[in-house]
Amino acid sequence: MITIILIIHIFLALSIIIAVLLQKSEGGGLGIGGSGGGGGGFMTARGTANLLTKITAILGACFFITSILLALLSSSNNKVSIATEVEKSIENNQPIVPTVPLNN
């Protein structure tokens, strides 16, 4: 189950990267889908921007959901908490008694 969600999570991450890079940037940076015919004349520049914005928002929400699912499934597999580990380490450590040199 975790493997399937992890694969979906990776695909969502790559899709978000592609969707963000396709958007027209304000400063003319990496925006690949600019006004130079990025859509091939299929949609107007405004329609492409709206579509890519919605796609990015949906992909981001799905990425957020898979992140939470992975965290919950990961914590349910591991029954040992940090608090119990700290308590074990405190119990195992014996107090060190400082030794005083007797022969000076």
N, C-alpha and C. Protein backbone atom coordinates (compact mmCIF):
# COMPACT_ATOMS: atom_id res chain seq x y z
N MET A 1 0.82 -1.19 0.00
CA MET A 1 0.00 0.00 0.00
C MET A 1 0.86 1.26 0.00
N ILE A 2 1.88 1.24 0.87
CA ILE A 2 2.75 2.41 0.95
C ILE A 2 3.50 2.60 -0.37
N THR A 3 3.89 1.50 -1.00
CA THR A 3 4.63 1.58 -2.26
C THR A 3 3.79 2.22 -3.35
N ILE A 4 2.53 1.86 -3.42
CA ILE A 4 1.65 2.43 -4.45
C ILE A 4 1.46 3.92 -4.22
N ILE A 5 1.22 4.30 -2.97
CA ILE A 5 1.04 5.73 -2.67
C ILE A 5 2.32 6.50 -2.92
N LEU A 6 3.47 5.88 -2.62
CA LEU A 6 4.75 6.54 -2.86
C LEU A 6 5.00 6.77 -4.35
N ILE A 7 4.63 5.80 -5.17
CA ILE A 7 4.78 5.96 -6.63
C ILE A 7 3.87 7.07 -7.13
N ILE A 8 2.62 7.11 -6.65
CA ILE A 8 1.70 8.19 -7.02
C ILE A 8 2.25 9.53 -6.56
N HIS A 9 2.83 9.55 -5.37
CA HIS A 9 3.42 10.78 -4.81
C HIS A 9 4.55 11.30 -5.70
N ILE A 10 5.39 10.40 -6.18
CA ILE A 10 6.50 10.80 -7.05
C ILE A 10 5.98 11.33 -8.38
N PHE A 11 4.98 10.66 -8.96
CA PHE A 11 4.39 11.15 -10.21
C PHE A 11 3.74 12.52 -10.03
N LEU A 12 3.09 12.72 -8.88
CA LEU A 12 2.49 14.03 -8.61
C LEU A 12 3.57 15.11 -8.50
N ALA A 13 4.67 14.79 -7.85
CA ALA A 13 5.76 15.76 -7.72
C ALA A 13 6.31 16.15 -9.09
N LEU A 14 6.52 15.16 -9.94
CA LEU A 14 7.01 15.46 -11.29
C LEU A 14 5.98 16.25 -12.10
N SER A 15 4.71 15.93 -11.93
CA SER A 15 3.66 16.64 -12.64
C SER A 15 3.57 18.10 -12.20
N ILE A 16 3.74 18.34 -10.90
CA ILE A 16 3.73 19.72 -10.40
C ILE A 16 4.89 20.50 -11.00
N ILE A 17 6.05 19.88 -11.06
CA ILE A 17 7.22 20.56 -11.64
C ILE A 17 6.94 20.93 -13.09
N ILE A 18 6.39 20.00 -13.84
CA ILE A 18 6.10 20.26 -15.26
C ILE A 18 5.05 21.35 -15.40
N ALA A 19 3.99 21.28 -14.58
CA ALA A 19 2.91 22.27 -14.66
C ALA A 19 3.42 23.67 -14.33
N VAL A 20 4.29 23.77 -13.34
CA VAL A 20 4.83 25.08 -12.96
C VAL A 20 5.75 25.62 -14.06
N LEU A 21 6.54 24.75 -14.65
CA LEU A 21 7.45 25.21 -15.70
C LEU A 21 6.71 25.60 -16.98
N LEU A 22 5.54 25.04 -17.21
CA LEU A 22 4.77 25.39 -18.40
C LEU A 22 4.05 26.73 -18.26
N GLN A 23 3.86 27.20 -17.05
CA GLN A 23 3.16 28.46 -16.85
C GLN A 23 4.01 29.63 -17.30
N LYS A 24 3.33 30.65 -17.79
CA LYS A 24 4.03 31.86 -18.21
C LYS A 24 4.50 32.60 -16.97
N SER A 25 5.79 32.89 -16.94
CA SER A 25 6.32 33.57 -15.76
C SER A 25 6.17 35.08 -15.93
N GLU A 26 6.09 35.75 -14.81
CA GLU A 26 5.94 37.20 -14.81
C GLU A 26 7.21 37.90 -15.29
N GLY A 27 8.36 37.37 -14.88
CA GLY A 27 9.62 38.03 -15.20
C GLY A 27 10.29 37.49 -16.44
N GLY A 28 9.67 36.55 -17.13
CA GLY A 28 10.26 35.99 -18.34
C GLY A 28 11.34 34.98 -18.03
N GLY A 29 11.24 34.31 -16.89
CA GLY A 29 12.25 33.35 -16.47
C GLY A 29 12.13 32.04 -17.22
N LEU A 30 11.64 31.01 -16.54
CA LEU A 30 11.57 29.67 -17.12
C LEU A 30 10.23 29.36 -17.76
N GLY A 31 9.34 30.31 -17.88
CA GLY A 31 8.01 30.04 -18.42
C GLY A 31 8.08 29.54 -19.84
N ILE A 32 7.82 28.26 -20.04
CA ILE A 32 7.91 27.67 -21.37
C ILE A 32 6.64 27.96 -22.16
N GLY A 33 5.52 28.00 -21.47
CA GLY A 33 4.24 28.16 -22.16
C GLY A 33 3.87 29.61 -22.37
N GLY A 34 4.78 30.40 -22.82
CA GLY A 34 4.52 31.83 -23.00
C GLY A 34 3.65 32.12 -24.19
N SER A 35 3.63 33.35 -24.65
CA SER A 35 2.75 33.76 -25.73
C SER A 35 3.29 33.38 -27.10
N GLY A 36 4.40 32.73 -27.15
CA GLY A 36 5.00 32.34 -28.43
C GLY A 36 4.39 31.10 -29.02
N GLY A 37 3.12 30.87 -28.80
CA GLY A 37 2.48 29.70 -29.39
C GLY A 37 2.71 28.44 -28.59
N GLY A 38 2.82 28.55 -27.28
CA GLY A 38 3.07 27.39 -26.43
C GLY A 38 1.94 26.38 -26.52
N GLY A 39 0.73 26.82 -26.68
CA GLY A 39 -0.41 25.92 -26.80
C GLY A 39 -0.68 25.51 -28.23
N GLY A 40 0.07 25.99 -29.18
CA GLY A 40 -0.12 25.64 -30.57
C GLY A 40 -1.37 26.24 -31.16
N GLY A 41 -1.87 27.34 -30.60
CA GLY A 41 -3.08 27.97 -31.09
C GLY A 41 -4.34 27.27 -30.62
N PHE A 42 -4.23 26.32 -29.74
CA PHE A 42 -5.39 25.57 -29.26
C PHE A 42 -6.25 26.42 -28.33
N MET A 43 -5.60 27.13 -27.40
CA MET A 43 -6.33 27.97 -26.47
C MET A 43 -5.71 29.36 -26.47
N THR A 44 -6.46 30.30 -25.95
CA THR A 44 -5.90 31.64 -25.82
C THR A 44 -4.91 31.64 -24.66
N ALA A 45 -4.13 32.70 -24.57
CA ALA A 45 -3.14 32.81 -23.51
C ALA A 45 -3.82 32.84 -22.14
N ARG A 46 -4.94 33.52 -22.06
CA ARG A 46 -5.68 33.60 -20.79
C ARG A 46 -6.26 32.25 -20.40
N GLY A 47 -6.82 31.53 -21.36
CA GLY A 47 -7.39 30.21 -21.08
C GLY A 47 -6.33 29.21 -20.68
N THR A 48 -5.17 29.28 -21.30
CA THR A 48 -4.07 28.38 -20.93
C THR A 48 -3.60 28.67 -19.52
N ALA A 49 -3.50 29.95 -19.17
CA ALA A 49 -3.05 30.32 -17.83
C ALA A 49 -4.05 29.84 -16.77
N ASN A 50 -5.33 30.01 -17.04
CA ASN A 50 -6.35 29.55 -16.09
C ASN A 50 -6.32 28.03 -15.94
N LEU A 51 -6.18 27.32 -17.06
CA LEU A 51 -6.14 25.86 -17.02
C LEU A 51 -4.92 25.37 -16.24
N LEU A 52 -3.77 25.94 -16.52
CA LEU A 52 -2.55 25.51 -15.83
C LEU A 52 -2.60 25.86 -14.34
N THR A 53 -3.23 26.97 -14.00
CA THR A 53 -3.37 27.33 -12.59
C THR A 53 -4.25 26.33 -11.86
N LYS A 54 -5.35 25.93 -12.49
CA LYS A 54 -6.25 24.94 -11.88
C LYS A 54 -5.58 23.58 -11.77
N ILE A 55 -4.86 23.19 -12.81
CA ILE A 55 -4.15 21.91 -12.78
C ILE A 55 -3.10 21.91 -11.67
N THR A 56 -2.37 23.00 -11.53
CA THR A 56 -1.35 23.09 -10.49
C THR A 56 -1.98 23.02 -9.10
N ALA A 57 -3.12 23.68 -8.92
CA ALA A 57 -3.80 23.65 -7.62
C ALA A 57 -4.29 22.24 -7.30
N ILE A 58 -4.85 21.55 -8.28
CA ILE A 58 -5.34 20.19 -8.06
C ILE A 58 -4.18 19.24 -7.76
N LEU A 59 -3.10 19.36 -8.53
CA LEU A 59 -1.93 18.52 -8.28
C LEU A 59 -1.33 18.79 -6.91
N GLY A 60 -1.31 20.06 -6.52
CA GLY A 60 -0.79 20.41 -5.20
C GLY A 60 -1.63 19.82 -4.08
N ALA A 61 -2.95 19.86 -4.23
CA ALA A 61 -3.84 19.29 -3.22
C ALA A 61 -3.65 17.77 -3.14
N CYS A 62 -3.54 17.12 -4.28
CA CYS A 62 -3.31 15.67 -4.28
C CYS A 62 -1.96 15.32 -3.67
N PHE A 63 -0.95 16.13 -3.94
CA PHE A 63 0.37 15.93 -3.36
C PHE A 63 0.31 16.06 -1.84
N PHE A 64 -0.44 17.05 -1.36
CA PHE A 64 -0.60 17.26 0.07
C PHE A 64 -1.30 16.07 0.72
N ILE A 65 -2.33 15.55 0.07
CA ILE A 65 -3.07 14.40 0.59
C ILE A 65 -2.19 13.16 0.64
N THR A 66 -1.42 12.91 -0.42
CA THR A 66 -0.54 11.74 -0.40
C THR A 66 0.57 11.90 0.64
N SER A 67 1.02 13.11 0.88
CA SER A 67 2.02 13.34 1.93
C SER A 67 1.46 12.96 3.29
N ILE A 68 0.23 13.38 3.57
CA ILE A 68 -0.39 13.05 4.85
C ILE A 68 -0.63 11.54 4.96
N LEU A 69 -1.09 10.92 3.88
CA LEU A 69 -1.32 9.47 3.90
C LEU A 69 -0.02 8.71 4.17
N LEU A 70 1.06 9.12 3.51
CA LEU A 70 2.34 8.45 3.73
C LEU A 70 2.81 8.62 5.16
N ALA A 71 2.61 9.79 5.74
CA ALA A 71 3.02 10.01 7.12
C ALA A 71 2.19 9.16 8.08
N LEU A 72 0.89 9.08 7.85
CA LEU A 72 0.03 8.27 8.71
C LEU A 72 0.34 6.78 8.59
N LEU A 73 0.53 6.30 7.37
CA LEU A 73 0.84 4.88 7.18
C LEU A 73 2.22 4.54 7.74
N SER A 74 3.14 5.46 7.64
CA SER A 74 4.48 5.23 8.16
C SER A 74 4.46 5.15 9.68
N SER A 75 3.68 6.01 10.32
CA SER A 75 3.63 6.00 11.78
C SER A 75 2.85 4.80 12.30
N SER A 76 1.90 4.28 11.53
CA SER A 76 1.14 3.13 12.00
C SER A 76 1.96 1.85 11.91
N ASN A 77 2.94 1.80 11.02
CA ASN A 77 3.80 0.61 10.91
C ASN A 77 4.81 0.56 12.04
N ASN A 78 5.22 1.70 12.54
CA ASN A 78 6.24 1.76 13.57
C ASN A 78 5.57 2.06 14.90
N LYS A 79 5.47 1.06 15.76
CA LYS A 79 4.78 1.22 17.04
C LYS A 79 5.66 1.84 18.11
N VAL A 80 6.95 1.99 17.85
CA VAL A 80 7.87 2.55 18.84
C VAL A 80 7.87 4.06 18.68
N SER A 81 7.63 4.75 19.78
CA SER A 81 7.63 6.20 19.71
C SER A 81 8.96 6.75 20.22
N ILE A 82 9.18 7.99 19.99
CA ILE A 82 10.41 8.63 20.43
C ILE A 82 10.46 8.67 21.96
N ALA A 83 9.32 8.87 22.59
CA ALA A 83 9.28 8.95 24.05
C ALA A 83 9.73 7.63 24.68
N THR A 84 9.30 6.50 24.13
CA THR A 84 9.72 5.21 24.69
C THR A 84 11.20 4.97 24.47
N GLU A 85 11.72 5.42 23.34
CA GLU A 85 13.15 5.27 23.08
C GLU A 85 13.97 6.11 24.06
N VAL A 86 13.52 7.31 24.36
CA VAL A 86 14.23 8.17 25.32
C VAL A 86 14.19 7.54 26.71
N GLU A 87 13.04 7.02 27.09
CA GLU A 87 12.93 6.37 28.40
C GLU A 87 13.84 5.16 28.50
N LYS A 88 13.95 4.38 27.44
CA LYS A 88 14.85 3.22 27.43
C LYS A 88 16.30 3.66 27.59
N SER A 89 16.69 4.71 26.87
CA SER A 89 18.08 5.16 26.96
C SER A 89 18.40 5.73 28.33
N ILE A 90 17.41 6.37 28.99
CA ILE A 90 17.63 6.89 30.34
C ILE A 90 17.77 5.73 31.33
N GLU A 91 16.96 4.70 31.17
CA GLU A 91 17.05 3.55 32.06
C GLU A 91 18.35 2.79 31.88
N ASN A 92 18.84 2.69 30.66
CA ASN A 92 20.07 1.94 30.38
C ASN A 92 21.33 2.67 30.84
N ASN A 93 21.29 3.96 30.89
CA ASN A 93 22.47 4.73 31.29
C ASN A 93 22.60 4.73 32.80
N GLN A 94 23.74 4.33 33.26
CA GLN A 94 24.04 4.37 34.68
C GLN A 94 24.71 5.70 34.99
N PRO A 95 24.40 6.28 36.12
CA PRO A 95 25.07 7.54 36.44
C PRO A 95 26.57 7.32 36.64
N ILE A 96 27.34 8.19 36.09
CA ILE A 96 28.79 8.10 36.19
C ILE A 96 29.24 8.83 37.44
N VAL A 97 29.89 8.09 38.31
CA VAL A 97 30.40 8.67 39.54
C VAL A 97 31.81 9.18 39.27
N PRO A 98 32.05 10.44 39.50
CA PRO A 98 33.40 10.96 39.22
C PRO A 98 34.40 10.36 40.21
N THR A 99 35.53 9.98 39.68
CA THR A 99 36.57 9.42 40.53
C THR A 99 37.58 10.49 40.88
N VAL A 100 38.02 10.45 42.11
CA VAL A 100 38.99 11.42 42.59
C VAL A 100 40.32 10.70 42.72
N PRO A 101 41.36 11.25 42.13
CA PRO A 101 42.66 10.58 42.28
C PRO A 101 43.13 10.61 43.73
N LEU A 102 43.53 9.44 44.25
CA LEU A 102 43.96 9.34 45.63
C LEU A 102 45.44 9.61 45.81
N ASN A 103 46.24 9.27 44.85
CA ASN A 103 47.69 9.44 44.94
C ASN A 103 48.12 10.69 44.18
N ASN A 104 48.48 11.71 44.89
CA ASN A 104 48.92 12.95 44.23
C ASN A 104 50.41 13.06 44.24
